[in-house]
């Protein structure tokens, strides 16, 4: 691989590539072959990067594309919690790399925003053992370091656009993420989801405000609107509806409610 190698905690085993179709696909292949917990696939460029629901993820050189193999000893039903653990890892990493006046928020279910623009996304894929415990989880993370897509479903930004210093590159972001994520995943394993949920909600985008929400995988169902109450104990979205009820959603897309 060209460029400098990041210095990671010993809990990780780095697989560094110049170019790959998708770091998540490569990590899944390695996991299927028995790759150990902490195997981290990092590529300088992806030719077929993807996000949630198979959406394409623009992957030019200069940004961070990595996928981590995890083998936590937990039921498969808890695997989705790792998306929020990862968000805290990303948030801690980039929060230390941009000026203090830049506002960072977590957007449900798997995005990190700077000044109301998407700077990072998380993709979680899991496999279960016959007893419905986790066999492995592949955690994909993409961070816009030097550039961002001009045309995206949600307005995008990059660390460079938000004032990160000239020494901030993909390797530096990966080093920072690896440390912050390790601290949070250890806490999650020791203390459960509640401290993760509390930290995520403390920086939740539009918490307590009215949201438009399209339910279902890919947000394909009819749009709803309600006040964002926070996360359920399993990470689902809680919306206070206009009829006074509270509803819980496990999948979908959120956006700011339009005026009027």
C-alpha atoms as a PDB file:
ATOM      1  CA  UNK A   1       0.000   0.000   0.000  1.00  0.00           C
ATOM      2  CA  UNK A   2       1.176   3.489  -0.815  1.00  0.00           C
ATOM      3  CA  UNK A   3       1.347   6.154   1.886  1.00  0.00           C
ATOM      4  CA  UNK A   4       2.021   5.788   5.593  1.00  0.00           C
ATOM      5  CA  UNK A   5       0.566   2.952   7.638  1.00  0.00           C
ATOM      6  CA  UNK A   6      -1.617   3.995  10.580  1.00  0.00           C
ATOM      7  CA  UNK A   7      -0.533   3.097  14.098  1.00  0.00           C
ATOM      8  CA  UNK A   8      -3.377   1.087  15.656  1.00  0.00           C
ATOM      9  CA  UNK A   9      -3.932  -0.474  19.095  1.00  0.00           C
ATOM     10  CA  UNK A  10      -2.777  -4.116  19.306  1.00  0.00           C
ATOM     11  CA  UNK A  11      -6.420  -5.301  19.369  1.00  0.00           C
ATOM     12  CA  UNK A  12      -6.562  -4.774  15.584  1.00  0.00           C
ATOM     13  CA  UNK A  13      -5.058  -6.720  12.686  1.00  0.00           C
ATOM     14  CA  UNK A  14      -4.753  -4.395   9.699  1.00  0.00           C
ATOM     15  CA  UNK A  15      -5.367  -5.538   6.125  1.00  0.00           C
ATOM     16  CA  UNK A  16      -4.289  -2.551   4.025  1.00  0.00           C
ATOM     17  CA  UNK A  17      -5.215  -2.332   0.335  1.00  0.00           C
ATOM     18  CA  UNK A  18      -4.711   0.284  -2.349  1.00  0.00           C
ATOM     19  CA  UNK A  19      -8.020  -0.489  -4.066  1.00  0.00           C
ATOM     20  CA  UNK A  20     -10.895  -2.892  -3.509  1.00  0.00           C
ATOM     21  CA  UNK A  21     -14.450  -3.275  -4.715  1.00  0.00           C
ATOM     22  CA  UNK A  22     -15.916  -2.911  -1.219  1.00  0.00           C
ATOM     23  CA  UNK A  23     -14.161  -3.132   2.140  1.00  0.00           C
ATOM     24  CA  UNK A  24     -17.326  -4.683   3.592  1.00  0.00           C
ATOM     25  CA  UNK A  25     -17.335  -7.420   0.961  1.00  0.00           C
ATOM     26  CA  UNK A  26     -13.664  -8.151   1.594  1.00  0.00           C
ATOM     27  CA  UNK A  27     -14.193  -8.203   5.365  1.00  0.00           C
ATOM     28  CA  UNK A  28     -17.162 -10.571   4.950  1.00  0.00           C
ATOM     29  CA  UNK A  29     -15.019 -12.873   2.841  1.00  0.00           C
ATOM     30  CA  UNK A  30     -12.285 -12.888   5.463  1.00  0.00           C
ATOM     31  CA  UNK A  31     -14.809 -13.418   8.263  1.00  0.00           C
ATOM     32  CA  UNK A  32     -16.260 -16.401   6.410  1.00  0.00           C
ATOM     33  CA  UNK A  33     -12.752 -17.832   6.250  1.00  0.00           C
ATOM     34  CA  UNK A  34     -12.366 -17.465  10.012  1.00  0.00           C
ATOM     35  CA  UNK A  35     -10.743 -14.033  10.373  1.00  0.00           C
ATOM     36  CA  UNK A  36     -10.345 -13.131  14.017  1.00  0.00           C
ATOM     37  CA  UNK A  37     -12.098 -10.369  15.944  1.00  0.00           C
ATOM     38  CA  UNK A  38     -10.382  -7.067  15.225  1.00  0.00           C
ATOM     39  CA  UNK A  39      -9.473  -7.777  11.609  1.00  0.00           C
ATOM     40  CA  UNK A  40      -9.617  -4.351   9.955  1.00  0.00           C
ATOM     41  CA  UNK A  41      -9.797  -3.931   6.178  1.00  0.00           C
ATOM     42  CA  UNK A  42      -8.691  -0.487   5.011  1.00  0.00           C
ATOM     43  CA  UNK A  43      -8.581   0.649   1.387  1.00  0.00           C
ATOM     44  CA  UNK A  44      -7.425   3.909  -0.172  1.00  0.00           C
ATOM     45  CA  UNK A  45     -10.151   3.629  -2.810  1.00  0.00           C
ATOM     46  CA  UNK A  46     -13.272   1.545  -3.505  1.00  0.00           C
ATOM     47  CA  UNK A  47     -14.602   0.738  -6.950  1.00  0.00           C
ATOM     48  CA  UNK A  48     -17.993  -0.497  -5.708  1.00  0.00           C
ATOM     49  CA  UNK A  49     -18.513   1.151  -2.343  1.00  0.00           C
ATOM     50  CA  UNK A  50     -21.985   0.869  -0.870  1.00  0.00           C
ATOM     51  CA  UNK A  51     -24.009   2.159   2.015  1.00  0.00           C
ATOM     52  CA  UNK A  52     -27.260   1.161   3.649  1.00  0.00           C
ATOM     53  CA  UNK A  53     -29.866  -0.606   1.468  1.00  0.00           C
ATOM     54  CA  UNK A  54     -27.219  -1.135  -1.212  1.00  0.00           C
ATOM     55  CA  UNK A  55     -26.952   2.560  -2.065  1.00  0.00           C
ATOM     56  CA  UNK A  56     -23.717   3.484  -3.799  1.00  0.00           C
ATOM     57  CA  UNK A  57     -21.047   5.234  -1.727  1.00  0.00           C
ATOM     58  CA  UNK A  58     -18.747   7.558  -3.679  1.00  0.00           C
ATOM     59  CA  UNK A  59     -15.220   6.376  -2.885  1.00  0.00           C
ATOM     60  CA  UNK A  60     -12.486   8.565  -4.407  1.00  0.00           C
ATOM     61  CA  UNK A  61      -8.950   8.537  -2.979  1.00  0.00           C
ATOM     62  CA  UNK A  62      -8.401  10.686   0.105  1.00  0.00           C
ATOM     63  CA  UNK A  63     -11.357   9.598   2.221  1.00  0.00           C
ATOM     64  CA  UNK A  64     -11.572   6.804   4.802  1.00  0.00           C
ATOM     65  CA  UNK A  65     -13.031   3.431   3.806  1.00  0.00           C
ATOM     66  CA  UNK A  66     -12.681   0.638   6.334  1.00  0.00           C
ATOM     67  CA  UNK A  67     -14.536  -2.433   7.608  1.00  0.00           C
ATOM     68  CA  UNK A  68     -13.971  -4.226  10.880  1.00  0.00           C
ATOM     69  CA  UNK A  69     -14.649  -7.884  11.697  1.00  0.00           C
ATOM     70  CA  UNK A  70     -16.172  -8.258  15.165  1.00  0.00           C
ATOM     71  CA  UNK A  71     -17.102 -11.418  17.044  1.00  0.00           C
ATOM     72  CA  UNK A  72     -18.872 -10.256  20.218  1.00  0.00           C
ATOM     73  CA  UNK A  73     -20.360 -12.931  22.456  1.00  0.00           C
ATOM     74  CA  UNK A  74     -23.909 -11.547  22.337  1.00  0.00           C
ATOM     75  CA  UNK A  75     -27.289 -12.585  20.843  1.00  0.00           C
ATOM     76  CA  UNK A  76     -27.828 -11.582  17.217  1.00  0.00           C
ATOM     77  CA  UNK A  77     -30.664  -9.298  18.365  1.00  0.00           C
ATOM     78  CA  UNK A  78     -28.053  -7.014  19.957  1.00  0.00           C
ATOM     79  CA  UNK A  79     -25.841  -6.710  16.890  1.00  0.00           C
ATOM     80  CA  UNK A  80     -27.634  -3.577  15.657  1.00  0.00           C
ATOM     81  CA  UNK A  81     -26.456  -1.744  18.778  1.00  0.00           C
ATOM     82  CA  UNK A  82     -22.964  -1.730  17.294  1.00  0.00           C
ATOM     83  CA  UNK A  83     -24.061   0.868  14.749  1.00  0.00           C
ATOM     84  CA  UNK A  84     -24.483   3.350  17.616  1.00  0.00           C
ATOM     85  CA  UNK A  85     -21.221   2.236  19.225  1.00  0.00           C
ATOM     86  CA  UNK A  86     -19.499   2.934  15.908  1.00  0.00           C
ATOM     87  CA  UNK A  87     -21.158   6.351  15.628  1.00  0.00           C
ATOM     88  CA  UNK A  88     -19.689   7.299  18.997  1.00  0.00           C
ATOM     89  CA  UNK A  89     -16.294   6.063  17.836  1.00  0.00           C
ATOM     90  CA  UNK A  90     -16.505   8.160  14.679  1.00  0.00           C
ATOM     91  CA  UNK A  91     -17.816  11.143  16.606  1.00  0.00           C
ATOM     92  CA  UNK A  92     -15.000  10.986  19.122  1.00  0.00           C
ATOM     93  CA  UNK A  93     -12.456  10.655  16.348  1.00  0.00           C
ATOM     94  CA  UNK A  94     -13.573  13.526  14.152  1.00  0.00           C
ATOM     95  CA  UNK A  95     -14.559  15.747  17.062  1.00  0.00           C
ATOM     96  CA  UNK A  96     -10.888  15.934  17.952  1.00  0.00           C
ATOM     97  CA  UNK A  97      -9.891  16.824  14.377  1.00  0.00           C
ATOM     98  CA  UNK A  98     -12.204  19.744  13.504  1.00  0.00           C
ATOM     99  CA  UNK A  99     -12.413  23.220  15.083  1.00  0.00           C
ATOM    100  CA  UNK A 100     -14.424  23.377  18.342  1.00  0.00           C
ATOM    101  CA  UNK A 101     -17.128  25.594  16.835  1.00  0.00           C
ATOM    102  CA  UNK A 102     -18.143  22.854  14.363  1.00  0.00           C
ATOM    103  CA  UNK A 103     -21.359  21.211  15.567  1.00  0.00           C
ATOM    104  CA  UNK A 104     -21.375  17.413  15.450  1.00  0.00           C
ATOM    105  CA  UNK A 105     -24.601  15.408  15.581  1.00  0.00           C
ATOM    106  CA  UNK A 106     -25.699  11.774  15.194  1.00  0.00           C
ATOM    107  CA  UNK A 107     -28.501  11.182  12.711  1.00  0.00           C
ATOM    108  CA  UNK A 108     -30.590   8.041  13.132  1.00  0.00           C
ATOM    109  CA  UNK A 109     -29.860   5.330  12.291  1.00  0.00           C
ATOM    110  CA  UNK A 110     -26.233   5.419  11.128  1.00  0.00           C
ATOM    111  CA  UNK A 111     -24.921   8.833  10.054  1.00  0.00           C
ATOM    112  CA  UNK A 112     -22.616  11.417  11.601  1.00  0.00           C
ATOM    113  CA  UNK A 113     -23.168  15.085  10.715  1.00  0.00           C
ATOM    114  CA  UNK A 114     -21.044  18.202  10.920  1.00  0.00           C
ATOM    115  CA  UNK A 115     -22.981  21.473  10.776  1.00  0.00           C
ATOM    116  CA  UNK A 116     -26.096  19.583   9.593  1.00  0.00           C
ATOM    117  CA  UNK A 117     -24.236  17.899   6.721  1.00  0.00           C
ATOM    118  CA  UNK A 118     -23.295  14.231   6.459  1.00  0.00           C
ATOM    119  CA  UNK A 119     -19.611  13.524   6.987  1.00  0.00           C
ATOM    120  CA  UNK A 120     -19.716   9.797   7.783  1.00  0.00           C
ATOM    121  CA  UNK A 121     -21.877   6.722   7.366  1.00  0.00           C
ATOM    122  CA  UNK A 122     -21.921   3.282   8.953  1.00  0.00           C
ATOM    123  CA  UNK A 123     -22.918  -0.039   7.397  1.00  0.00           C
ATOM    124  CA  UNK A 124     -23.558  -3.059   9.600  1.00  0.00           C
ATOM    125  CA  UNK A 125     -23.830  -6.644   8.303  1.00  0.00           C
ATOM    126  CA  UNK A 126     -24.048  -9.680  10.559  1.00  0.00           C
ATOM    127  CA  UNK A 127     -24.129 -13.462  10.520  1.00  0.00           C
ATOM    128  CA  UNK A 128     -25.599 -15.753  13.170  1.00  0.00           C
ATOM    129  CA  UNK A 129     -24.719 -19.151  14.551  1.00  0.00           C
ATOM    130  CA  UNK A 130     -27.455 -21.823  14.732  1.00  0.00           C
ATOM    131  CA  UNK A 131     -28.223 -20.795  18.345  1.00  0.00           C
ATOM    132  CA  UNK A 132     -28.903 -17.209  17.127  1.00  0.00           C
ATOM    133  CA  UNK A 133     -25.788 -15.842  18.759  1.00  0.00           C
ATOM    134  CA  UNK A 134     -23.511 -13.617  16.685  1.00  0.00           C
ATOM    135  CA  UNK A 135     -21.038 -15.465  14.503  1.00  0.00           C
ATOM    136  CA  UNK A 136     -19.533 -12.263  13.163  1.00  0.00           C
ATOM    137  CA  UNK A 137     -20.415  -8.654  12.493  1.00  0.00           C
ATOM    138  CA  UNK A 138     -18.834  -6.615   9.713  1.00  0.00           C
ATOM    139  CA  UNK A 139     -18.826  -2.940  10.610  1.00  0.00           C
ATOM    140  CA  UNK A 140     -18.183  -0.631   7.669  1.00  0.00           C
ATOM    141  CA  UNK A 141     -17.242   3.011   8.186  1.00  0.00           C
ATOM    142  CA  UNK A 142     -16.862   5.705   5.548  1.00  0.00           C
ATOM    143  CA  UNK A 143     -15.661   9.211   6.423  1.00  0.00           C
ATOM    144  CA  UNK A 144     -15.399  12.141   4.013  1.00  0.00           C
ATOM    145  CA  UNK A 145     -11.927  13.414   4.849  1.00  0.00           C
ATOM    146  CA  UNK A 146     -10.747  15.448   1.857  1.00  0.00           C
ATOM    147  CA  UNK A 147     -13.845  15.543  -0.373  1.00  0.00           C
ATOM    148  CA  UNK A 148     -17.595  14.968  -0.413  1.00  0.00           C
ATOM    149  CA  UNK A 149     -20.116  14.059  -3.126  1.00  0.00           C
ATOM    150  CA  UNK A 150     -21.701  17.047  -4.838  1.00  0.00           C
ATOM    151  CA  UNK A 151     -25.040  15.300  -5.367  1.00  0.00           C
ATOM    152  CA  UNK A 152     -26.244  13.195  -2.434  1.00  0.00           C
ATOM    153  CA  UNK A 153     -29.570  12.204  -0.869  1.00  0.00           C
ATOM    154  CA  UNK A 154     -28.617  14.284   2.182  1.00  0.00           C
ATOM    155  CA  UNK A 155     -26.286  17.326   2.039  1.00  0.00           C
ATOM    156  CA  UNK A 156     -22.686  16.222   2.549  1.00  0.00           C
ATOM    157  CA  UNK A 157     -19.471  17.743   3.837  1.00  0.00           C
ATOM    158  CA  UNK A 158     -15.908  16.699   4.610  1.00  0.00           C
ATOM    159  CA  UNK A 159     -13.419  17.233   7.422  1.00  0.00           C
ATOM    160  CA  UNK A 160     -11.393  19.482   5.131  1.00  0.00           C
ATOM    161  CA  UNK A 161     -14.465  21.590   4.280  1.00  0.00           C
ATOM    162  CA  UNK A 162     -15.167  22.000   7.995  1.00  0.00           C
ATOM    163  CA  UNK A 163     -11.678  23.293   8.800  1.00  0.00           C
ATOM    164  CA  UNK A 164      -9.627  20.226   9.725  1.00  0.00           C
ATOM    165  CA  UNK A 165      -5.886  20.853   9.617  1.00  0.00           C
ATOM    166  CA  UNK A 166      -3.633  19.994   6.654  1.00  0.00           C
ATOM    167  CA  UNK A 167      -2.154  17.002   8.513  1.00  0.00           C
ATOM    168  CA  UNK A 168      -5.561  15.303   8.767  1.00  0.00           C
ATOM    169  CA  UNK A 169      -5.674  12.423   6.290  1.00  0.00           C
ATOM    170  CA  UNK A 170      -7.439   9.067   6.119  1.00  0.00           C
ATOM    171  CA  UNK A 171      -4.702   7.358   8.139  1.00  0.00           C
ATOM    172  CA  UNK A 172      -4.994   9.941  10.923  1.00  0.00           C
ATOM    173  CA  UNK A 173      -8.776   9.517  11.048  1.00  0.00           C
ATOM    174  CA  UNK A 174      -8.402   5.724  11.158  1.00  0.00           C
ATOM    175  CA  UNK A 175      -5.933   5.965  14.036  1.00  0.00           C
ATOM    176  CA  UNK A 176      -8.296   8.187  15.997  1.00  0.00           C
ATOM    177  CA  UNK A 177     -11.357   6.072  15.208  1.00  0.00           C
ATOM    178  CA  UNK A 178      -9.615   2.849  16.223  1.00  0.00           C
ATOM    179  CA  UNK A 179      -8.881   4.213  19.696  1.00  0.00           C
ATOM    180  CA  UNK A 180     -12.288   5.778  20.320  1.00  0.00           C
ATOM    181  CA  UNK A 181     -14.208   2.785  18.995  1.00  0.00           C
ATOM    182  CA  UNK A 182     -12.195   0.340  21.099  1.00  0.00           C
ATOM    183  CA  UNK A 183     -13.004   2.294  24.255  1.00  0.00           C
ATOM    184  CA  UNK A 184     -16.716   2.371  23.430  1.00  0.00           C
ATOM    185  CA  UNK A 185     -17.032  -1.260  22.358  1.00  0.00           C
ATOM    186  CA  UNK A 186     -15.327  -2.371  25.579  1.00  0.00           C
ATOM    187  CA  UNK A 187     -17.788  -0.261  27.572  1.00  0.00           C
ATOM    188  CA  UNK A 188     -20.712  -1.688  25.582  1.00  0.00           C
ATOM    189  CA  UNK A 189     -19.592  -5.233  26.329  1.00  0.00           C
ATOM    190  CA  UNK A 190     -19.117  -4.447  30.030  1.00  0.00           C
ATOM    191  CA  UNK A 191     -22.122  -2.181  30.708  1.00  0.00           C
ATOM    192  CA  UNK A 192     -24.625  -2.869  27.940  1.00  0.00           C
ATOM    193  CA  UNK A 193     -26.385  -0.465  25.590  1.00  0.00           C
ATOM    194  CA  UNK A 194     -27.641   2.124  28.089  1.00  0.00           C
ATOM    195  CA  UNK A 195     -24.455   4.276  28.317  1.00  0.00           C
ATOM    196  CA  UNK A 196     -24.153   4.121  24.523  1.00  0.00           C
ATOM    197  CA  UNK A 197     -27.745   5.224  24.107  1.00  0.00           C
ATOM    198  CA  UNK A 198     -27.291   8.107  26.551  1.00  0.00           C
ATOM    199  CA  UNK A 199     -24.139   9.377  24.836  1.00  0.00           C
ATOM    200  CA  UNK A 200     -25.719   9.067  21.382  1.00  0.00           C
ATOM    201  CA  UNK A 201     -28.888  10.920  22.450  1.00  0.00           C
ATOM    202  CA  UNK A 202     -26.784  13.726  23.963  1.00  0.00           C
ATOM    203  CA  UNK A 203     -25.782  14.647  20.401  1.00  0.00           C
ATOM    204  CA  UNK A 204     -28.822  13.342  18.517  1.00  0.00           C
ATOM    205  CA  UNK A 205     -29.858  15.331  15.453  1.00  0.00           C
ATOM    206  CA  UNK A 206     -33.283  16.982  15.900  1.00  0.00           C
ATOM    207  CA  UNK A 207     -33.985  15.338  19.272  1.00  0.00           C
ATOM    208  CA  UNK A 208     -37.253  16.752  20.598  1.00  0.00           C
ATOM    209  CA  UNK A 209     -38.081  18.243  17.203  1.00  0.00           C
ATOM    210  CA  UNK A 210     -40.526  17.273  14.504  1.00  0.00           C
ATOM    211  CA  UNK A 211     -39.223  14.841  11.878  1.00  0.00           C
ATOM    212  CA  UNK A 212     -40.492  13.407   8.644  1.00  0.00           C
ATOM    213  CA  UNK A 213     -40.028   9.672   8.617  1.00  0.00           C
ATOM    214  CA  UNK A 214     -40.354   7.094   5.846  1.00  0.00           C
ATOM    215  CA  UNK A 215     -40.650   3.681   7.453  1.00  0.00           C
ATOM    216  CA  UNK A 216     -39.402   0.355   6.167  1.00  0.00           C
ATOM    217  CA  UNK A 217     -36.171  -0.816   4.583  1.00  0.00           C
ATOM    218  CA  UNK A 218     -34.966   1.973   2.329  1.00  0.00           C
ATOM    219  CA  UNK A 219     -37.695   4.282   3.596  1.00  0.00           C
ATOM    220  CA  UNK A 220     -40.068   2.865   1.015  1.00  0.00           C
ATOM    221  CA  UNK A 221     -43.275   3.189   3.021  1.00  0.00           C
ATOM    222  CA  UNK A 222     -45.536   6.232   3.192  1.00  0.00           C
ATOM    223  CA  UNK A 223     -44.061   9.261   4.958  1.00  0.00           C
ATOM    224  CA  UNK A 224     -45.070  10.004   8.541  1.00  0.00           C
ATOM    225  CA  UNK A 225     -44.350  12.931  10.824  1.00  0.00           C
ATOM    226  CA  UNK A 226     -43.854  13.142  14.557  1.00  0.00           C
ATOM    227  CA  UNK A 227     -41.658  14.476  17.342  1.00  0.00           C
ATOM    228  CA  UNK A 228     -38.372  12.611  17.811  1.00  0.00           C
ATOM    229  CA  UNK A 229     -38.412  11.292  21.380  1.00  0.00           C
ATOM    230  CA  UNK A 230     -35.085   9.419  21.241  1.00  0.00           C
ATOM    231  CA  UNK A 231     -33.972   5.805  21.124  1.00  0.00           C
ATOM    232  CA  UNK A 232     -35.821   2.779  22.446  1.00  0.00           C
ATOM    233  CA  UNK A 233     -33.758   0.357  24.567  1.00  0.00           C
ATOM    234  CA  UNK A 234     -32.951  -1.622  21.399  1.00  0.00           C
ATOM    235  CA  UNK A 235     -31.951   1.428  19.325  1.00  0.00           C
ATOM    236  CA  UNK A 236     -35.265   1.779  17.486  1.00  0.00           C
ATOM    237  CA  UNK A 237     -36.553   5.267  16.704  1.00  0.00           C
ATOM    238  CA  UNK A 238     -39.282   6.639  18.993  1.00  0.00           C
ATOM    239  CA  UNK A 239     -41.753   9.105  17.475  1.00  0.00           C
ATOM    240  CA  UNK A 240     -44.531  10.946  19.288  1.00  0.00           C
ATOM    241  CA  UNK A 241     -47.384  11.021  16.793  1.00  0.00           C
ATOM    242  CA  UNK A 242     -49.999  13.732  16.346  1.00  0.00           C
ATOM    243  CA  UNK A 243     -52.711  11.459  17.772  1.00  0.00           C
ATOM    244  CA  UNK A 244     -50.913  11.294  21.111  1.00  0.00           C
ATOM    245  CA  UNK A 245     -49.451   7.824  20.672  1.00  0.00           C
ATOM    246  CA  UNK A 246     -45.772   6.887  20.639  1.00  0.00           C
ATOM    247  CA  UNK A 247     -44.520   4.595  17.895  1.00  0.00           C
ATOM    248  CA  UNK A 248     -41.312   2.623  17.523  1.00  0.00           C
ATOM    249  CA  UNK A 249     -39.552   2.027  14.202  1.00  0.00           C
ATOM    250  CA  UNK A 250     -36.632  -0.325  13.564  1.00  0.00           C
ATOM    251  CA  UNK A 251     -35.878   0.787   9.992  1.00  0.00           C
ATOM    252  CA  UNK A 252     -36.457   3.798   7.798  1.00  0.00           C
ATOM    253  CA  UNK A 253     -35.149   7.225   6.787  1.00  0.00           C
ATOM    254  CA  UNK A 254     -35.537  10.499   8.656  1.00  0.00           C
ATOM    255  CA  UNK A 255     -35.445  14.126   7.573  1.00  0.00           C
ATOM    256  CA  UNK A 256     -36.349  17.526   8.977  1.00  0.00           C
ATOM    257  CA  UNK A 257     -40.060  18.265   8.835  1.00  0.00           C
ATOM    258  CA  UNK A 258     -41.027  20.854   6.252  1.00  0.00           C
ATOM    259  CA  UNK A 259     -42.641  24.063   7.432  1.00  0.00           C
ATOM    260  CA  UNK A 260     -46.302  24.684   6.765  1.00  0.00           C
END
